[in-house]
N, C-alpha and C. Protein backbone atom coordinates (compact mmCIF):
# COMPACT_ATOMS: atom_id res chain seq x y z
N MET A 1 0.85 -1.20 0.00
CA MET A 1 0.00 0.00 0.00
C MET A 1 0.88 1.24 0.00
N LEU A 2 0.50 2.24 -0.77
CA LEU A 2 1.23 3.49 -0.87
C LEU A 2 1.24 4.21 0.47
N ASN A 3 2.39 4.76 0.85
CA ASN A 3 2.53 5.54 2.08
C ASN A 3 3.05 6.91 1.71
N LEU A 4 2.13 7.82 1.37
CA LEU A 4 2.49 9.14 0.86
C LEU A 4 2.27 10.19 1.94
N SER A 5 3.32 10.91 2.29
CA SER A 5 3.24 11.92 3.34
C SER A 5 2.22 13.00 2.98
N GLY A 6 1.36 13.32 3.94
CA GLY A 6 0.35 14.35 3.74
C GLY A 6 -0.97 13.84 3.21
N TYR A 7 -1.05 12.53 3.00
CA TYR A 7 -2.28 11.94 2.46
C TYR A 7 -2.64 10.66 3.21
N GLN A 8 -3.93 10.45 3.40
CA GLN A 8 -4.43 9.22 3.98
C GLN A 8 -5.05 8.38 2.86
N ILE A 9 -4.55 7.18 2.66
CA ILE A 9 -5.10 6.29 1.64
C ILE A 9 -6.32 5.58 2.20
N LEU A 10 -7.44 5.68 1.50
CA LEU A 10 -8.67 5.06 1.96
C LEU A 10 -8.92 3.71 1.31
N THR A 11 -8.74 3.65 -0.01
CA THR A 11 -9.03 2.39 -0.71
C THR A 11 -8.29 2.32 -2.04
N HIS A 12 -8.02 1.10 -2.44
CA HIS A 12 -7.42 0.85 -3.75
C HIS A 12 -8.56 0.79 -4.77
N LEU A 13 -8.48 1.60 -5.82
CA LEU A 13 -9.56 1.68 -6.80
C LEU A 13 -9.31 0.84 -8.04
N TYR A 14 -8.09 0.94 -8.57
CA TYR A 14 -7.87 0.39 -9.91
C TYR A 14 -6.38 0.19 -10.13
N GLU A 15 -6.07 -0.79 -10.95
CA GLU A 15 -4.68 -1.04 -11.31
C GLU A 15 -4.61 -1.40 -12.79
N SER A 16 -3.77 -0.68 -13.52
CA SER A 16 -3.56 -0.95 -14.94
C SER A 16 -2.14 -1.43 -15.14
N ALA A 17 -1.75 -1.59 -16.39
CA ALA A 17 -0.39 -2.03 -16.68
C ALA A 17 0.64 -0.97 -16.29
N ASN A 18 0.20 0.30 -16.24
CA ASN A 18 1.15 1.39 -16.01
C ASN A 18 1.00 2.10 -14.67
N SER A 19 -0.17 2.03 -14.04
CA SER A 19 -0.40 2.82 -12.84
C SER A 19 -1.33 2.14 -11.85
N ILE A 20 -1.31 2.65 -10.62
CA ILE A 20 -2.21 2.20 -9.56
C ILE A 20 -2.95 3.43 -9.05
N VAL A 21 -4.26 3.29 -8.83
CA VAL A 21 -5.10 4.42 -8.44
C VAL A 21 -5.74 4.14 -7.08
N TYR A 22 -5.65 5.16 -6.21
CA TYR A 22 -6.24 5.05 -4.87
C TYR A 22 -7.20 6.21 -4.63
N ARG A 23 -8.13 6.00 -3.71
CA ARG A 23 -8.97 7.09 -3.20
C ARG A 23 -8.44 7.46 -1.83
N GLY A 24 -8.30 8.78 -1.57
CA GLY A 24 -7.71 9.18 -0.30
C GLY A 24 -8.17 10.55 0.15
N ILE A 25 -7.50 11.03 1.21
CA ILE A 25 -7.80 12.34 1.81
C ILE A 25 -6.50 13.13 1.92
N ARG A 26 -6.55 14.40 1.50
CA ARG A 26 -5.40 15.28 1.68
C ARG A 26 -5.47 15.88 3.08
N ALA A 27 -4.46 15.63 3.90
CA ALA A 27 -4.49 15.99 5.31
C ALA A 27 -4.57 17.49 5.54
N ALA A 28 -3.94 18.29 4.68
CA ALA A 28 -3.86 19.74 4.88
C ALA A 28 -5.23 20.40 4.96
N ASP A 29 -6.18 19.92 4.17
CA ASP A 29 -7.51 20.55 4.14
C ASP A 29 -8.65 19.54 4.17
N ASN A 30 -8.32 18.27 4.44
CA ASN A 30 -9.33 17.22 4.51
C ASN A 30 -10.08 17.05 3.19
N GLN A 31 -9.40 17.33 2.08
CA GLN A 31 -10.00 17.25 0.75
C GLN A 31 -9.95 15.83 0.22
N ALA A 32 -11.09 15.32 -0.27
CA ALA A 32 -11.11 14.01 -0.92
C ALA A 32 -10.35 14.10 -2.24
N VAL A 33 -9.46 13.14 -2.50
CA VAL A 33 -8.65 13.17 -3.71
C VAL A 33 -8.51 11.77 -4.30
N ILE A 34 -8.13 11.74 -5.57
CA ILE A 34 -7.71 10.51 -6.24
C ILE A 34 -6.19 10.58 -6.38
N ILE A 35 -5.53 9.49 -6.00
CA ILE A 35 -4.07 9.44 -6.01
C ILE A 35 -3.64 8.40 -7.04
N LYS A 36 -2.94 8.86 -8.06
CA LYS A 36 -2.52 7.99 -9.15
C LYS A 36 -1.00 7.92 -9.18
N VAL A 37 -0.45 6.73 -9.06
CA VAL A 37 1.00 6.56 -8.99
C VAL A 37 1.46 5.60 -10.08
N LEU A 38 2.60 5.90 -10.68
CA LEU A 38 3.17 4.99 -11.66
C LEU A 38 3.48 3.65 -11.00
N LYS A 39 3.20 2.58 -11.70
CA LYS A 39 3.29 1.25 -11.12
C LYS A 39 4.74 0.80 -10.90
N GLN A 40 5.62 1.16 -11.81
CA GLN A 40 7.01 0.72 -11.73
C GLN A 40 7.76 1.50 -10.64
N ASP A 41 8.57 0.81 -9.85
CA ASP A 41 9.38 1.47 -8.84
C ASP A 41 10.44 2.36 -9.47
N TYR A 42 10.91 1.96 -10.66
CA TYR A 42 11.93 2.74 -11.37
C TYR A 42 11.45 2.99 -12.81
N PRO A 43 10.51 3.92 -12.99
CA PRO A 43 10.01 4.20 -14.34
C PRO A 43 11.09 4.78 -15.23
N THR A 44 10.95 4.54 -16.52
CA THR A 44 11.91 5.05 -17.50
C THR A 44 11.71 6.55 -17.71
N PRO A 45 12.70 7.24 -18.25
CA PRO A 45 12.53 8.67 -18.56
C PRO A 45 11.32 8.92 -19.46
N ALA A 46 11.06 8.01 -20.41
CA ALA A 46 9.90 8.17 -21.30
C ALA A 46 8.60 8.08 -20.52
N GLU A 47 8.51 7.15 -19.56
CA GLU A 47 7.31 7.00 -18.74
C GLU A 47 7.09 8.23 -17.87
N LEU A 48 8.16 8.76 -17.31
CA LEU A 48 8.06 9.97 -16.48
C LEU A 48 7.62 11.17 -17.32
N ALA A 49 8.16 11.27 -18.54
CA ALA A 49 7.81 12.38 -19.43
C ALA A 49 6.34 12.31 -19.83
N ARG A 50 5.86 11.11 -20.11
CA ARG A 50 4.45 10.93 -20.47
C ARG A 50 3.54 11.29 -19.29
N TYR A 51 3.96 10.92 -18.09
CA TYR A 51 3.17 11.22 -16.89
C TYR A 51 3.14 12.72 -16.65
N GLN A 52 4.28 13.37 -16.83
CA GLN A 52 4.36 14.83 -16.70
C GLN A 52 3.45 15.49 -17.72
N GLN A 53 3.44 14.99 -18.95
CA GLN A 53 2.58 15.54 -19.99
C GLN A 53 1.11 15.36 -19.64
N GLU A 54 0.76 14.18 -19.11
CA GLU A 54 -0.63 13.94 -18.72
C GLU A 54 -1.09 14.96 -17.68
N TYR A 55 -0.23 15.20 -16.70
CA TYR A 55 -0.58 16.17 -15.65
C TYR A 55 -0.73 17.58 -16.24
N GLU A 56 0.22 18.00 -17.06
CA GLU A 56 0.18 19.34 -17.62
C GLU A 56 -1.03 19.56 -18.51
N ILE A 57 -1.38 18.57 -19.32
CA ILE A 57 -2.55 18.68 -20.20
C ILE A 57 -3.83 18.76 -19.38
N THR A 58 -3.95 17.88 -18.40
CA THR A 58 -5.16 17.85 -17.56
C THR A 58 -5.33 19.17 -16.82
N GLN A 59 -4.25 19.68 -16.28
CA GLN A 59 -4.31 20.96 -15.54
C GLN A 59 -4.62 22.11 -16.49
N HIS A 60 -4.06 22.08 -17.68
CA HIS A 60 -4.27 23.16 -18.66
C HIS A 60 -5.72 23.25 -19.12
N LEU A 61 -6.39 22.11 -19.26
CA LEU A 61 -7.75 22.11 -19.81
C LEU A 61 -8.72 22.88 -18.91
N ASN A 62 -8.68 22.64 -17.60
CA ASN A 62 -9.52 23.38 -16.64
C ASN A 62 -10.98 23.45 -17.10
N LEU A 63 -11.55 22.30 -17.45
CA LEU A 63 -12.94 22.21 -17.90
C LEU A 63 -13.77 21.45 -16.87
N ASP A 64 -15.05 21.80 -16.75
CA ASP A 64 -15.93 21.08 -15.83
C ASP A 64 -16.06 19.61 -16.21
N SER A 65 -15.89 19.32 -17.49
CA SER A 65 -16.06 17.95 -17.98
C SER A 65 -14.77 17.14 -17.93
N VAL A 66 -13.70 17.72 -17.37
CA VAL A 66 -12.42 17.02 -17.22
C VAL A 66 -12.02 17.05 -15.76
N VAL A 67 -11.59 15.90 -15.24
CA VAL A 67 -11.18 15.84 -13.83
C VAL A 67 -10.06 16.84 -13.57
N LYS A 68 -10.10 17.52 -12.43
CA LYS A 68 -9.09 18.53 -12.09
C LYS A 68 -7.80 17.85 -11.61
N ALA A 69 -6.67 18.42 -12.03
CA ALA A 69 -5.37 17.95 -11.57
C ALA A 69 -4.85 18.94 -10.52
N TYR A 70 -4.66 18.47 -9.29
CA TYR A 70 -4.26 19.35 -8.20
C TYR A 70 -2.74 19.53 -8.11
N SER A 71 -2.00 18.43 -8.19
CA SER A 71 -0.55 18.54 -8.05
C SER A 71 0.13 17.28 -8.57
N LEU A 72 1.42 17.43 -8.85
CA LEU A 72 2.27 16.30 -9.25
C LEU A 72 3.42 16.25 -8.26
N GLU A 73 3.57 15.15 -7.53
CA GLU A 73 4.51 15.09 -6.43
C GLU A 73 5.51 13.95 -6.60
N LEU A 74 6.71 14.18 -6.10
CA LEU A 74 7.74 13.15 -6.12
C LEU A 74 7.47 12.14 -5.01
N TYR A 75 7.65 10.86 -5.33
CA TYR A 75 7.53 9.81 -4.33
C TYR A 75 8.60 8.77 -4.62
N GLN A 76 9.62 8.73 -3.75
CA GLN A 76 10.75 7.83 -3.95
C GLN A 76 11.35 8.07 -5.35
N ASN A 77 11.29 7.08 -6.24
CA ASN A 77 11.89 7.23 -7.58
C ASN A 77 10.85 7.47 -8.67
N THR A 78 9.63 7.82 -8.26
CA THR A 78 8.57 7.95 -9.25
C THR A 78 7.76 9.21 -8.99
N LEU A 79 6.63 9.34 -9.69
CA LEU A 79 5.75 10.50 -9.56
C LEU A 79 4.35 10.07 -9.14
N VAL A 80 3.70 10.95 -8.38
CA VAL A 80 2.32 10.71 -7.94
C VAL A 80 1.48 11.90 -8.38
N MET A 81 0.36 11.62 -9.04
CA MET A 81 -0.55 12.66 -9.48
C MET A 81 -1.74 12.73 -8.52
N ILE A 82 -2.05 13.94 -8.05
CA ILE A 82 -3.18 14.15 -7.15
C ILE A 82 -4.31 14.78 -7.96
N LEU A 83 -5.44 14.09 -8.00
CA LEU A 83 -6.55 14.49 -8.86
C LEU A 83 -7.84 14.69 -8.06
N GLU A 84 -8.78 15.38 -8.66
CA GLU A 84 -10.10 15.62 -8.08
C GLU A 84 -10.86 14.31 -7.86
N ASP A 85 -11.55 14.22 -6.73
CA ASP A 85 -12.46 13.10 -6.46
C ASP A 85 -13.86 13.67 -6.30
N PHE A 86 -14.71 13.48 -7.31
CA PHE A 86 -16.08 13.99 -7.25
C PHE A 86 -17.08 12.87 -6.94
N GLY A 87 -16.56 11.75 -6.43
CA GLY A 87 -17.44 10.67 -6.00
C GLY A 87 -17.89 9.73 -7.09
N GLY A 88 -17.25 9.81 -8.26
CA GLY A 88 -17.65 8.97 -9.38
C GLY A 88 -16.88 7.67 -9.47
N SER A 89 -17.34 6.81 -10.37
CA SER A 89 -16.65 5.56 -10.71
C SER A 89 -16.57 5.47 -12.22
N SER A 90 -15.60 4.74 -12.72
CA SER A 90 -15.48 4.60 -14.17
C SER A 90 -16.69 3.83 -14.71
N LEU A 91 -17.03 4.12 -15.96
CA LEU A 91 -18.13 3.38 -16.59
C LEU A 91 -17.82 1.88 -16.62
N ARG A 92 -16.55 1.53 -16.75
CA ARG A 92 -16.16 0.12 -16.75
C ARG A 92 -16.57 -0.55 -15.45
N MET A 93 -16.30 0.10 -14.31
CA MET A 93 -16.67 -0.46 -13.02
C MET A 93 -18.19 -0.50 -12.85
N LEU A 94 -18.86 0.57 -13.27
CA LEU A 94 -20.31 0.62 -13.14
C LEU A 94 -20.99 -0.43 -14.01
N MET A 95 -20.44 -0.67 -15.20
CA MET A 95 -21.01 -1.67 -16.11
C MET A 95 -20.92 -3.08 -15.54
N ASP A 96 -19.92 -3.31 -14.68
CA ASP A 96 -19.79 -4.62 -14.04
C ASP A 96 -20.79 -4.81 -12.90
N GLU A 97 -21.36 -3.67 -12.43
CA GLU A 97 -22.27 -3.72 -11.28
C GLU A 97 -23.74 -3.65 -11.66
N ARG A 98 -24.04 -3.09 -12.84
CA ARG A 98 -25.44 -2.83 -13.18
C ARG A 98 -25.66 -2.73 -14.68
N THR A 99 -26.92 -2.68 -15.08
CA THR A 99 -27.30 -2.44 -16.47
C THR A 99 -27.92 -1.05 -16.55
N PHE A 100 -27.50 -0.27 -17.53
CA PHE A 100 -28.02 1.08 -17.69
C PHE A 100 -29.37 1.06 -18.41
N THR A 101 -30.28 1.92 -17.95
CA THR A 101 -31.55 2.09 -18.65
C THR A 101 -31.32 2.94 -19.89
N LEU A 102 -32.29 2.96 -20.79
CA LEU A 102 -32.16 3.78 -22.00
C LEU A 102 -32.01 5.25 -21.63
N SER A 103 -32.77 5.71 -20.63
CA SER A 103 -32.70 7.10 -20.21
C SER A 103 -31.31 7.44 -19.68
N GLU A 104 -30.74 6.54 -18.88
CA GLU A 104 -29.40 6.75 -18.35
C GLU A 104 -28.37 6.75 -19.46
N PHE A 105 -28.53 5.80 -20.39
CA PHE A 105 -27.61 5.72 -21.52
C PHE A 105 -27.59 7.03 -22.31
N LEU A 106 -28.77 7.58 -22.60
CA LEU A 106 -28.84 8.82 -23.38
C LEU A 106 -28.23 9.98 -22.61
N GLN A 107 -28.48 10.04 -21.29
CA GLN A 107 -27.90 11.09 -20.46
C GLN A 107 -26.38 11.03 -20.49
N ILE A 108 -25.84 9.82 -20.36
CA ILE A 108 -24.39 9.65 -20.36
C ILE A 108 -23.81 9.94 -21.75
N ALA A 109 -24.46 9.43 -22.79
CA ALA A 109 -23.96 9.63 -24.16
C ALA A 109 -23.90 11.11 -24.51
N ILE A 110 -24.93 11.87 -24.14
CA ILE A 110 -24.95 13.32 -24.43
C ILE A 110 -23.82 14.02 -23.71
N GLN A 111 -23.59 13.63 -22.44
CA GLN A 111 -22.51 14.25 -21.68
C GLN A 111 -21.14 13.92 -22.26
N ILE A 112 -20.97 12.69 -22.74
CA ILE A 112 -19.69 12.31 -23.35
C ILE A 112 -19.43 13.16 -24.59
N VAL A 113 -20.44 13.29 -25.44
CA VAL A 113 -20.28 14.08 -26.67
C VAL A 113 -20.00 15.54 -26.34
N ASP A 114 -20.73 16.10 -25.35
CA ASP A 114 -20.48 17.49 -24.95
C ASP A 114 -19.06 17.65 -24.40
N SER A 115 -18.63 16.66 -23.60
CA SER A 115 -17.28 16.72 -23.01
C SER A 115 -16.22 16.71 -24.09
N LEU A 116 -16.37 15.81 -25.07
CA LEU A 116 -15.40 15.74 -26.15
C LEU A 116 -15.41 17.01 -26.99
N GLY A 117 -16.59 17.59 -27.17
CA GLY A 117 -16.67 18.85 -27.90
C GLY A 117 -15.89 19.95 -27.21
N ASN A 118 -15.99 20.01 -25.88
CA ASN A 118 -15.25 21.02 -25.11
C ASN A 118 -13.74 20.76 -25.18
N ILE A 119 -13.36 19.49 -25.13
CA ILE A 119 -11.94 19.14 -25.20
C ILE A 119 -11.38 19.49 -26.58
N HIS A 120 -12.13 19.16 -27.62
CA HIS A 120 -11.68 19.48 -28.98
C HIS A 120 -11.63 20.99 -29.21
N ALA A 121 -12.57 21.72 -28.60
CA ALA A 121 -12.58 23.18 -28.73
C ALA A 121 -11.34 23.80 -28.08
N ALA A 122 -10.78 23.06 -27.11
CA ALA A 122 -9.54 23.51 -26.46
C ALA A 122 -8.31 23.01 -27.22
N HIS A 123 -8.52 22.51 -28.46
CA HIS A 123 -7.45 22.04 -29.34
C HIS A 123 -6.70 20.83 -28.78
N MET A 124 -7.46 19.92 -28.18
CA MET A 124 -6.87 18.72 -27.61
C MET A 124 -7.60 17.49 -28.15
N ILE A 125 -6.84 16.44 -28.49
CA ILE A 125 -7.40 15.16 -28.90
C ILE A 125 -7.03 14.12 -27.85
N HIS A 126 -8.02 13.50 -27.22
CA HIS A 126 -7.77 12.56 -26.13
C HIS A 126 -7.11 11.28 -26.61
N LYS A 127 -7.67 10.65 -27.64
CA LYS A 127 -7.13 9.46 -28.31
C LYS A 127 -7.30 8.15 -27.55
N ASP A 128 -7.97 8.15 -26.39
CA ASP A 128 -8.21 6.87 -25.71
C ASP A 128 -9.52 6.91 -24.93
N ILE A 129 -10.58 7.34 -25.61
CA ILE A 129 -11.90 7.36 -24.98
C ILE A 129 -12.44 5.94 -24.90
N ASN A 130 -12.61 5.45 -23.69
CA ASN A 130 -13.17 4.12 -23.45
C ASN A 130 -13.80 4.12 -22.07
N PRO A 131 -14.59 3.12 -21.71
CA PRO A 131 -15.31 3.14 -20.42
C PRO A 131 -14.42 3.31 -19.19
N SER A 132 -13.16 2.91 -19.27
CA SER A 132 -12.26 3.08 -18.12
C SER A 132 -11.85 4.53 -17.92
N ASN A 133 -11.94 5.34 -18.97
CA ASN A 133 -11.50 6.73 -18.90
C ASN A 133 -12.66 7.72 -18.86
N ILE A 134 -13.85 7.21 -18.59
CA ILE A 134 -15.04 8.05 -18.42
C ILE A 134 -15.57 7.77 -17.02
N VAL A 135 -15.59 8.80 -16.16
CA VAL A 135 -16.00 8.64 -14.76
C VAL A 135 -17.36 9.30 -14.57
N PHE A 136 -18.27 8.56 -13.93
CA PHE A 136 -19.66 9.02 -13.79
C PHE A 136 -20.12 8.84 -12.35
N ASN A 137 -20.81 9.85 -11.82
CA ASN A 137 -21.40 9.77 -10.49
C ASN A 137 -22.91 9.61 -10.65
N PRO A 138 -23.46 8.41 -10.44
CA PRO A 138 -24.90 8.19 -10.65
C PRO A 138 -25.79 9.03 -9.75
N GLU A 139 -25.28 9.41 -8.57
CA GLU A 139 -26.11 10.18 -7.64
C GLU A 139 -26.27 11.63 -8.08
N THR A 140 -25.22 12.22 -8.63
CA THR A 140 -25.29 13.63 -9.06
C THR A 140 -25.50 13.77 -10.56
N GLY A 141 -25.23 12.69 -11.32
CA GLY A 141 -25.34 12.75 -12.77
C GLY A 141 -24.13 13.41 -13.42
N GLN A 142 -23.09 13.69 -12.65
CA GLN A 142 -21.90 14.37 -13.17
C GLN A 142 -20.98 13.37 -13.86
N LEU A 143 -20.40 13.79 -14.99
CA LEU A 143 -19.51 12.95 -15.77
C LEU A 143 -18.24 13.73 -16.12
N LYS A 144 -17.09 13.04 -16.02
CA LYS A 144 -15.82 13.68 -16.34
C LYS A 144 -14.91 12.71 -17.10
N ILE A 145 -14.07 13.26 -17.95
CA ILE A 145 -13.09 12.49 -18.71
C ILE A 145 -11.75 12.49 -17.96
N ILE A 146 -11.07 11.35 -17.95
CA ILE A 146 -9.78 11.25 -17.27
C ILE A 146 -8.72 10.67 -18.23
N ASP A 147 -7.49 10.64 -17.76
CA ASP A 147 -6.36 9.95 -18.40
C ASP A 147 -6.01 10.52 -19.78
N PHE A 148 -5.20 11.58 -19.76
CA PHE A 148 -4.74 12.22 -21.00
C PHE A 148 -3.30 11.84 -21.31
N GLY A 149 -2.93 10.61 -20.95
CA GLY A 149 -1.56 10.15 -21.11
C GLY A 149 -1.05 10.13 -22.53
N ILE A 150 -1.91 9.88 -23.51
CA ILE A 150 -1.46 9.86 -24.91
C ILE A 150 -2.14 10.95 -25.74
N ALA A 151 -2.72 11.93 -25.04
CA ALA A 151 -3.42 13.01 -25.74
C ALA A 151 -2.45 13.85 -26.58
N THR A 152 -2.99 14.48 -27.60
CA THR A 152 -2.20 15.37 -28.47
C THR A 152 -2.80 16.77 -28.44
N ARG A 153 -1.94 17.76 -28.22
CA ARG A 153 -2.36 19.16 -28.27
C ARG A 153 -2.15 19.68 -29.67
N LEU A 154 -3.21 20.17 -30.31
CA LEU A 154 -3.12 20.72 -31.66
C LEU A 154 -2.87 22.22 -31.59
N THR A 155 -1.84 22.67 -32.28
CA THR A 155 -1.49 24.08 -32.29
C THR A 155 -1.36 24.56 -33.74
N ARG A 156 -1.13 25.85 -33.92
CA ARG A 156 -0.95 26.38 -35.27
C ARG A 156 0.27 25.75 -35.95
N SER A 157 1.30 25.48 -35.14
CA SER A 157 2.51 24.88 -35.71
C SER A 157 2.42 23.36 -35.77
N ASN A 158 1.44 22.78 -35.05
CA ASN A 158 1.27 21.33 -35.05
C ASN A 158 -0.22 21.03 -35.15
N PRO A 159 -0.83 21.21 -36.34
CA PRO A 159 -2.28 21.07 -36.50
C PRO A 159 -2.76 19.64 -36.73
N THR A 160 -1.86 18.65 -36.64
CA THR A 160 -2.23 17.27 -36.91
C THR A 160 -1.85 16.38 -35.74
N LEU A 161 -2.29 15.12 -35.79
CA LEU A 161 -1.95 14.17 -34.74
C LEU A 161 -0.44 13.95 -34.69
N LYS A 162 0.06 13.69 -33.47
CA LYS A 162 1.50 13.54 -33.26
C LYS A 162 2.07 12.38 -34.06
N ASN A 163 1.37 11.22 -34.05
CA ASN A 163 1.84 10.04 -34.77
C ASN A 163 0.73 9.56 -35.71
N PRO A 164 0.51 10.23 -36.86
CA PRO A 164 -0.61 9.92 -37.73
C PRO A 164 -0.58 8.52 -38.30
N HIS A 165 0.59 7.89 -38.33
CA HIS A 165 0.69 6.56 -38.91
C HIS A 165 0.74 5.46 -37.84
N VAL A 166 0.55 5.85 -36.57
CA VAL A 166 0.59 4.88 -35.46
C VAL A 166 -0.73 4.93 -34.71
N LEU A 167 -1.38 3.77 -34.56
CA LEU A 167 -2.60 3.70 -33.78
C LEU A 167 -2.24 3.66 -32.30
N GLU A 168 -2.80 4.59 -31.51
CA GLU A 168 -2.51 4.66 -30.09
C GLU A 168 -3.80 4.50 -29.29
N GLY A 169 -3.67 3.95 -28.07
CA GLY A 169 -4.83 3.80 -27.20
C GLY A 169 -5.30 2.36 -27.12
N THR A 170 -6.48 2.17 -26.54
CA THR A 170 -7.07 0.85 -26.38
C THR A 170 -7.66 0.41 -27.71
N LEU A 171 -7.17 -0.69 -28.28
CA LEU A 171 -7.48 -1.05 -29.66
C LEU A 171 -8.96 -1.07 -29.98
N VAL A 172 -9.77 -1.74 -29.14
CA VAL A 172 -11.19 -1.87 -29.49
C VAL A 172 -11.96 -0.57 -29.28
N TYR A 173 -11.31 0.47 -28.72
CA TYR A 173 -11.94 1.77 -28.56
C TYR A 173 -11.14 2.86 -29.28
N ILE A 174 -10.39 2.47 -30.32
CA ILE A 174 -9.55 3.43 -31.03
C ILE A 174 -10.36 4.69 -31.35
N SER A 175 -9.75 5.86 -31.09
CA SER A 175 -10.48 7.12 -31.21
C SER A 175 -10.93 7.39 -32.63
N PRO A 176 -12.05 8.11 -32.79
CA PRO A 176 -12.56 8.42 -34.13
C PRO A 176 -11.58 9.26 -34.93
N GLU A 177 -10.69 10.00 -34.23
CA GLU A 177 -9.70 10.79 -34.97
C GLU A 177 -8.71 9.87 -35.67
N GLN A 178 -8.58 8.62 -35.20
CA GLN A 178 -7.62 7.71 -35.79
C GLN A 178 -8.28 6.72 -36.75
N THR A 179 -9.47 6.30 -36.47
CA THR A 179 -10.17 5.44 -37.42
C THR A 179 -11.66 5.42 -37.21
N GLY A 180 -12.13 5.22 -36.14
CA GLY A 180 -13.55 5.25 -36.23
C GLY A 180 -14.36 5.31 -34.97
N LEU A 181 -16.64 6.65 -32.14
CA LEU A 181 -16.91 6.81 -30.76
C LEU A 181 -18.07 5.85 -30.48
N TRP A 182 -18.53 5.29 -31.67
CA TRP A 182 -19.73 4.50 -31.45
C TRP A 182 -19.45 3.24 -30.65
N ILE A 183 -18.20 2.82 -30.56
CA ILE A 183 -17.87 1.56 -29.90
C ILE A 183 -18.10 1.65 -28.39
N THR A 184 -17.73 2.80 -27.79
CA THR A 184 -17.98 2.98 -26.36
C THR A 184 -19.46 2.90 -26.08
N ALA A 185 -20.27 3.54 -26.92
CA ALA A 185 -21.72 3.49 -26.74
C ALA A 185 -22.24 2.07 -26.84
N ARG A 186 -21.75 1.31 -27.82
CA ARG A 186 -22.20 -0.06 -27.99
C ARG A 186 -21.86 -0.94 -26.79
N THR A 187 -20.76 -0.60 -26.10
CA THR A 187 -20.30 -1.45 -25.02
C THR A 187 -21.21 -1.44 -23.81
N PHE A 188 -21.80 -0.27 -23.46
CA PHE A 188 -22.64 -0.27 -22.26
C PHE A 188 -24.13 -0.18 -22.57
N THR A 189 -24.50 -0.59 -23.79
CA THR A 189 -25.88 -0.86 -24.12
C THR A 189 -26.08 -2.37 -24.04
N PRO A 190 -27.35 -2.86 -24.05
CA PRO A 190 -27.59 -4.29 -23.82
C PRO A 190 -26.86 -5.23 -24.76
N SER A 191 -26.66 -4.85 -26.03
CA SER A 191 -25.97 -5.75 -26.94
C SER A 191 -24.48 -5.74 -26.66
N ALA A 192 -23.81 -6.83 -26.97
CA ALA A 192 -22.38 -6.95 -26.68
C ALA A 192 -21.56 -6.09 -27.62
N SER A 193 -20.36 -5.76 -27.19
CA SER A 193 -19.44 -5.01 -28.04
C SER A 193 -19.14 -5.81 -29.29
N PRO A 194 -19.07 -5.16 -30.46
CA PRO A 194 -18.75 -5.87 -31.70
C PRO A 194 -17.32 -6.41 -31.71
N PHE A 195 -16.50 -5.99 -30.74
CA PHE A 195 -15.11 -6.42 -30.70
C PHE A 195 -14.80 -7.33 -29.52
N MET A 196 -15.86 -7.91 -28.93
CA MET A 196 -15.66 -8.80 -27.80
C MET A 196 -14.85 -10.03 -28.20
N ASN A 197 -13.75 -10.25 -27.47
CA ASN A 197 -12.93 -11.46 -27.63
C ASN A 197 -12.27 -11.59 -29.00
N CYS A 198 -12.13 -10.51 -29.74
CA CYS A 198 -11.48 -10.63 -31.04
C CYS A 198 -9.97 -10.41 -30.88
N SER A 199 -9.20 -10.97 -31.80
CA SER A 199 -7.75 -10.81 -31.76
C SER A 199 -7.41 -9.40 -32.23
N PRO A 200 -6.20 -8.90 -31.92
CA PRO A 200 -5.81 -7.57 -32.39
C PRO A 200 -5.96 -7.40 -33.90
N THR A 201 -5.61 -8.43 -34.66
CA THR A 201 -5.70 -8.33 -36.12
C THR A 201 -7.15 -8.22 -36.58
N SER A 202 -8.02 -9.09 -36.05
CA SER A 202 -9.42 -9.06 -36.47
C SER A 202 -10.12 -7.79 -35.99
N CYS A 203 -9.74 -7.29 -34.80
CA CYS A 203 -10.29 -6.03 -34.31
C CYS A 203 -9.94 -4.90 -35.27
N LEU A 204 -8.68 -4.88 -35.70
CA LEU A 204 -8.23 -3.83 -36.60
C LEU A 204 -8.97 -3.88 -37.93
N LEU A 205 -9.20 -5.09 -38.43
CA LEU A 205 -9.94 -5.24 -39.69
C LEU A 205 -11.37 -4.74 -39.54
N LYS A 206 -12.00 -5.03 -38.40
CA LYS A 206 -13.37 -4.56 -38.17
C LYS A 206 -13.42 -3.04 -38.07
N LEU A 207 -12.37 -2.43 -37.46
CA LEU A 207 -12.32 -0.98 -37.36
C LEU A 207 -12.17 -0.33 -38.72
N LEU A 208 -11.33 -0.92 -39.57
CA LEU A 208 -11.06 -0.34 -40.88
C LEU A 208 -12.14 -0.66 -41.90
N MET A 209 -12.85 -1.80 -41.70
CA MET A 209 -13.91 -2.20 -42.62
C MET A 209 -15.15 -2.60 -41.83
N PRO A 210 -15.82 -1.64 -41.13
CA PRO A 210 -16.94 -1.95 -40.25
C PRO A 210 -18.14 -2.54 -40.99
N TRP A 211 -18.21 -2.35 -42.29
CA TRP A 211 -19.35 -2.86 -43.05
C TRP A 211 -19.21 -4.34 -43.40
N SER A 212 -18.03 -4.89 -43.20
CA SER A 212 -17.80 -6.28 -43.61
C SER A 212 -18.35 -7.26 -42.59
């Protein structure tokens, strides 16, 4: 369990290949926070740079539809990101616990589209929209986008994707900017995802030729 000075860890929320996420309390002001730490004890310079970029992009956006980034702190040989906790859970976790009604689905879908519109208006492409990166609070109806680790900032000098010839993100949810958003919607509706249990090659073929 993480032992971070100035924070009380309440519960382990999630673990991915790259990071571990906890829910906790910031001691200075008793603020509820999400604590995200790189999983490797000795992350590579590239991993640290990507984490730094994720923090800077998240903090820069400052949108109601994007989780707030409070601070980036050193912990032993790695970095810890302190994020807003608005009481939500990822759609992935919620989908494992319940089935969404049509009304709930439409409410969530509209909020996702509005959120992406605000992000794109800020000249940012997320590139990994999937149920794990969409956090929803069923009690308040509030929804926020998280995890900008592979996001691209579009500028006048860089008006295109960073790696236009490389597919980035979760394969079965590859962003529409790269190939094709309806997949996230299909996943938490009653019918199964069209990419359930498919191999990387067959998933890619379905993405590139959805009519086949």
